[in-house]
């Protein structure tokens, strides 16, 4: 059985989230659970130039970035693909 993950939203994530359209917010709300279920459709990618920041797909245009330490996943940002995939 996979470990239960705890998701925390950083202030930077909340700021990005509030600027999204409600339809995208609904997709974002479902994405952490999909990650916890190891969904291959999320296209997990390491953010270039970082040691431990990753991104996953929300939909074709949007991604969210996160850091994981054991069973805690810190959601960092959510935005269009090209903005999320730049090194912080």
N, C-alpha and C. Protein backbone atom coordinates (compact mmCIF):
# COMPACT_ATOMS: atom_id res chain seq x y z
N UNK A 1 0.85 -1.19 0.00
CA UNK A 1 0.00 0.00 0.00
C UNK A 1 0.89 1.24 0.00
N UNK A 2 0.63 2.20 -0.96
CA UNK A 2 1.46 3.40 -1.01
C UNK A 2 1.23 4.27 0.23
N UNK A 3 2.24 5.09 0.59
CA UNK A 3 2.09 5.94 1.77
C UNK A 3 1.01 7.00 1.55
N UNK A 4 0.34 7.36 2.63
CA UNK A 4 -0.63 8.45 2.55
C UNK A 4 0.14 9.76 2.48
N UNK A 5 -0.21 10.58 1.54
CA UNK A 5 0.49 11.84 1.35
C UNK A 5 -0.30 12.99 1.96
N UNK A 6 0.45 13.92 2.53
CA UNK A 6 -0.16 15.15 3.06
C UNK A 6 0.25 16.28 2.11
N UNK A 7 -0.73 16.99 1.61
CA UNK A 7 -0.48 18.10 0.69
C UNK A 7 -0.64 19.41 1.44
N UNK A 8 0.36 20.27 1.30
CA UNK A 8 0.28 21.62 1.87
C UNK A 8 0.42 22.63 0.73
N UNK A 9 -0.29 23.71 0.84
CA UNK A 9 -0.27 24.76 -0.18
C UNK A 9 0.53 25.94 0.34
N UNK A 10 1.63 26.24 -0.35
CA UNK A 10 2.43 27.40 0.02
C UNK A 10 1.71 28.68 -0.40
N UNK A 11 2.09 29.78 0.20
CA UNK A 11 1.47 31.07 -0.14
C UNK A 11 1.63 31.38 -1.63
N UNK A 12 2.77 31.01 -2.18
CA UNK A 12 3.00 31.25 -3.61
C UNK A 12 1.98 30.49 -4.46
N UNK A 13 1.64 29.28 -4.04
CA UNK A 13 0.65 28.48 -4.75
C UNK A 13 -0.72 29.13 -4.65
N UNK A 14 -1.10 29.53 -3.44
CA UNK A 14 -2.41 30.16 -3.25
C UNK A 14 -2.56 31.43 -4.09
N UNK A 15 -1.48 32.21 -4.18
CA UNK A 15 -1.53 33.43 -5.00
C UNK A 15 -1.77 33.11 -6.47
N UNK A 16 -1.08 32.11 -6.99
CA UNK A 16 -1.28 31.70 -8.38
C UNK A 16 -2.68 31.13 -8.58
N UNK A 17 -3.11 30.31 -7.66
CA UNK A 17 -4.41 29.63 -7.74
C UNK A 17 -5.55 30.64 -7.82
N UNK A 18 -5.49 31.67 -7.03
CA UNK A 18 -6.56 32.66 -6.99
C UNK A 18 -6.70 33.43 -8.30
N UNK A 19 -5.64 33.47 -9.11
CA UNK A 19 -5.68 34.17 -10.39
C UNK A 19 -6.19 33.30 -11.53
N UNK A 20 -6.47 32.03 -11.27
CA UNK A 20 -6.94 31.12 -12.31
C UNK A 20 -8.45 31.20 -12.50
N UNK A 21 -8.90 30.85 -13.69
CA UNK A 21 -10.34 30.74 -13.95
C UNK A 21 -10.90 29.60 -13.10
N UNK A 22 -12.15 29.70 -12.70
CA UNK A 22 -12.77 28.66 -11.88
C UNK A 22 -12.70 27.26 -12.49
N UNK A 23 -12.79 27.16 -13.82
CA UNK A 23 -12.70 25.84 -14.46
C UNK A 23 -11.32 25.22 -14.26
N UNK A 24 -10.29 26.03 -14.34
CA UNK A 24 -8.93 25.53 -14.13
C UNK A 24 -8.75 25.19 -12.65
N UNK A 25 -9.29 26.02 -11.76
CA UNK A 25 -9.19 25.73 -10.32
C UNK A 25 -9.77 24.35 -10.00
N UNK A 26 -10.88 23.99 -10.62
CA UNK A 26 -11.47 22.67 -10.38
C UNK A 26 -10.52 21.56 -10.80
N UNK A 27 -9.84 21.75 -11.93
CA UNK A 27 -8.87 20.75 -12.38
C UNK A 27 -7.69 20.68 -11.42
N UNK A 28 -7.24 21.84 -10.97
CA UNK A 28 -6.12 21.89 -10.03
C UNK A 28 -6.49 21.16 -8.74
N UNK A 29 -7.72 21.34 -8.27
CA UNK A 29 -8.16 20.70 -7.04
C UNK A 29 -8.09 19.18 -7.12
N UNK A 30 -8.26 18.61 -8.31
CA UNK A 30 -8.24 17.16 -8.50
C UNK A 30 -6.83 16.61 -8.70
N UNK A 31 -5.90 17.45 -9.07
CA UNK A 31 -4.56 16.99 -9.45
C UNK A 31 -3.78 16.33 -8.32
N UNK A 32 -3.75 16.86 -7.09
CA UNK A 32 -2.99 16.18 -6.03
C UNK A 32 -3.46 14.74 -5.79
N UNK A 33 -4.75 14.51 -5.84
CA UNK A 33 -5.26 13.15 -5.63
C UNK A 33 -4.80 12.23 -6.75
N UNK A 34 -4.78 12.74 -7.97
CA UNK A 34 -4.28 11.94 -9.10
C UNK A 34 -2.81 11.60 -8.89
N UNK A 35 -2.04 12.56 -8.38
CA UNK A 35 -0.62 12.30 -8.09
C UNK A 35 -0.49 11.22 -7.02
N UNK A 36 -1.30 11.30 -5.99
CA UNK A 36 -1.25 10.32 -4.90
C UNK A 36 -1.58 8.92 -5.41
N UNK A 37 -2.36 8.84 -6.48
CA UNK A 37 -2.74 7.56 -7.07
C UNK A 37 -1.75 7.12 -8.14
N UNK A 38 -0.65 7.87 -8.31
CA UNK A 38 0.40 7.53 -9.27
C UNK A 38 -0.13 7.48 -10.69
N UNK A 39 -0.92 8.46 -11.07
CA UNK A 39 -1.51 8.54 -12.39
C UNK A 39 -0.45 8.89 -13.43
N UNK A 40 -0.20 8.01 -14.43
CA UNK A 40 0.85 8.29 -15.41
C UNK A 40 0.51 9.43 -16.36
N UNK A 41 -0.75 9.83 -16.46
CA UNK A 41 -1.15 10.91 -17.35
C UNK A 41 -0.73 12.29 -16.88
N UNK A 42 -0.10 12.37 -15.73
CA UNK A 42 0.31 13.67 -15.19
C UNK A 42 1.63 14.17 -15.75
N UNK A 43 2.37 13.31 -16.45
CA UNK A 43 3.63 13.70 -17.08
C UNK A 43 4.57 14.38 -16.08
N UNK A 44 4.97 13.64 -15.07
CA UNK A 44 5.89 14.13 -14.05
C UNK A 44 7.20 14.57 -14.69
N UNK A 45 7.64 15.79 -14.38
CA UNK A 45 8.89 16.33 -14.92
C UNK A 45 9.65 17.04 -13.81
N UNK A 46 10.95 16.82 -13.79
CA UNK A 46 11.80 17.58 -12.87
C UNK A 46 12.03 18.96 -13.47
N UNK A 47 11.96 19.99 -12.63
CA UNK A 47 12.21 21.36 -13.11
C UNK A 47 13.72 21.50 -13.32
N UNK A 48 14.07 21.85 -14.52
CA UNK A 48 15.48 21.97 -14.89
C UNK A 48 16.19 23.00 -14.02
N UNK A 49 17.39 22.67 -13.59
CA UNK A 49 18.18 23.58 -12.77
C UNK A 49 17.88 23.51 -11.28
N UNK A 50 17.04 22.55 -10.88
CA UNK A 50 16.72 22.38 -9.46
C UNK A 50 17.10 20.97 -9.02
N UNK A 51 17.21 20.79 -7.71
CA UNK A 51 17.51 19.46 -7.18
C UNK A 51 16.26 18.66 -6.89
N UNK A 52 15.22 19.34 -6.42
CA UNK A 52 14.09 18.58 -5.92
C UNK A 52 12.73 19.24 -6.16
N UNK A 53 12.62 20.00 -7.23
CA UNK A 53 11.33 20.60 -7.58
C UNK A 53 10.82 19.92 -8.84
N UNK A 54 9.57 19.51 -8.78
CA UNK A 54 8.95 18.74 -9.86
C UNK A 54 7.69 19.44 -10.31
N UNK A 55 7.22 19.07 -11.51
CA UNK A 55 5.93 19.58 -11.97
C UNK A 55 5.10 18.44 -12.53
N UNK A 56 3.79 18.62 -12.46
CA UNK A 56 2.85 17.66 -13.03
C UNK A 56 1.78 18.42 -13.80
N UNK A 57 1.20 17.73 -14.73
CA UNK A 57 0.20 18.31 -15.61
C UNK A 57 -1.16 18.46 -14.91
N UNK A 58 -1.74 19.64 -15.07
CA UNK A 58 -3.13 19.87 -14.66
C UNK A 58 -4.02 19.60 -15.87
N UNK A 59 -3.62 20.17 -17.00
CA UNK A 59 -4.24 19.91 -18.30
C UNK A 59 -3.19 20.24 -19.36
N UNK A 60 -3.58 20.36 -20.60
CA UNK A 60 -2.59 20.59 -21.67
C UNK A 60 -1.84 21.92 -21.53
N UNK A 61 -2.46 22.90 -20.90
CA UNK A 61 -1.84 24.22 -20.80
C UNK A 61 -1.24 24.52 -19.43
N UNK A 62 -1.75 23.90 -18.38
CA UNK A 62 -1.35 24.25 -17.02
C UNK A 62 -0.63 23.11 -16.32
N UNK A 63 0.32 23.49 -15.47
CA UNK A 63 1.05 22.55 -14.64
C UNK A 63 1.15 23.12 -13.23
N UNK A 64 1.41 22.26 -12.28
CA UNK A 64 1.71 22.74 -10.93
C UNK A 64 3.06 22.19 -10.52
N UNK A 65 3.77 22.95 -9.70
CA UNK A 65 5.08 22.51 -9.23
C UNK A 65 4.99 22.19 -7.74
N UNK A 66 5.90 21.31 -7.31
CA UNK A 66 5.88 20.86 -5.92
C UNK A 66 7.24 20.34 -5.50
N UNK A 67 7.41 20.24 -4.21
CA UNK A 67 8.55 19.56 -3.60
C UNK A 67 7.99 18.49 -2.68
N UNK A 68 8.65 17.35 -2.65
CA UNK A 68 8.18 16.26 -1.79
C UNK A 68 9.29 15.86 -0.82
N UNK A 69 8.92 15.78 0.43
CA UNK A 69 9.80 15.28 1.49
C UNK A 69 9.04 14.16 2.18
N UNK A 70 9.46 12.95 1.91
CA UNK A 70 8.79 11.75 2.43
C UNK A 70 7.31 11.78 2.07
N UNK A 71 6.44 11.92 3.06
CA UNK A 71 5.00 11.87 2.79
C UNK A 71 4.34 13.25 2.76
N UNK A 72 5.14 14.32 2.70
CA UNK A 72 4.60 15.68 2.64
C UNK A 72 4.94 16.28 1.27
N UNK A 73 3.91 16.76 0.60
CA UNK A 73 4.07 17.38 -0.72
C UNK A 73 3.69 18.85 -0.60
N UNK A 74 4.65 19.73 -0.83
CA UNK A 74 4.42 21.17 -0.77
C UNK A 74 4.13 21.68 -2.17
N UNK A 75 2.89 22.13 -2.40
CA UNK A 75 2.50 22.69 -3.68
C UNK A 75 3.05 24.11 -3.76
N UNK A 76 3.86 24.38 -4.78
CA UNK A 76 4.59 25.65 -4.88
C UNK A 76 3.92 26.68 -5.79
N UNK A 77 3.64 26.30 -7.03
CA UNK A 77 3.03 27.22 -8.00
C UNK A 77 2.09 26.45 -8.92
N UNK A 78 1.22 27.17 -9.56
CA UNK A 78 0.38 26.62 -10.63
C UNK A 78 0.21 27.72 -11.66
N UNK A 79 0.51 27.37 -12.92
CA UNK A 79 0.47 28.38 -13.98
C UNK A 79 0.58 27.67 -15.32
N UNK A 80 0.68 28.45 -16.37
CA UNK A 80 0.87 27.87 -17.70
C UNK A 80 2.20 27.15 -17.74
N UNK A 81 2.27 26.14 -18.58
CA UNK A 81 3.41 25.23 -18.64
C UNK A 81 4.75 25.95 -18.68
N UNK A 82 4.92 26.90 -19.60
CA UNK A 82 6.23 27.55 -19.76
C UNK A 82 6.64 28.37 -18.54
N UNK A 83 5.69 28.85 -17.76
CA UNK A 83 6.03 29.62 -16.56
C UNK A 83 6.42 28.71 -15.40
N UNK A 84 5.74 27.59 -15.26
CA UNK A 84 6.02 26.67 -14.15
C UNK A 84 7.36 25.97 -14.35
N UNK A 85 7.70 25.66 -15.58
CA UNK A 85 8.90 24.86 -15.85
C UNK A 85 10.20 25.65 -15.86
N UNK A 86 10.13 26.95 -15.59
CA UNK A 86 11.36 27.73 -15.43
C UNK A 86 11.89 27.54 -14.01
N UNK A 87 13.18 27.46 -13.87
CA UNK A 87 13.77 27.31 -12.54
C UNK A 87 13.40 28.51 -11.69
N UNK A 88 13.08 28.28 -10.40
CA UNK A 88 12.67 29.39 -9.52
C UNK A 88 13.83 30.32 -9.19
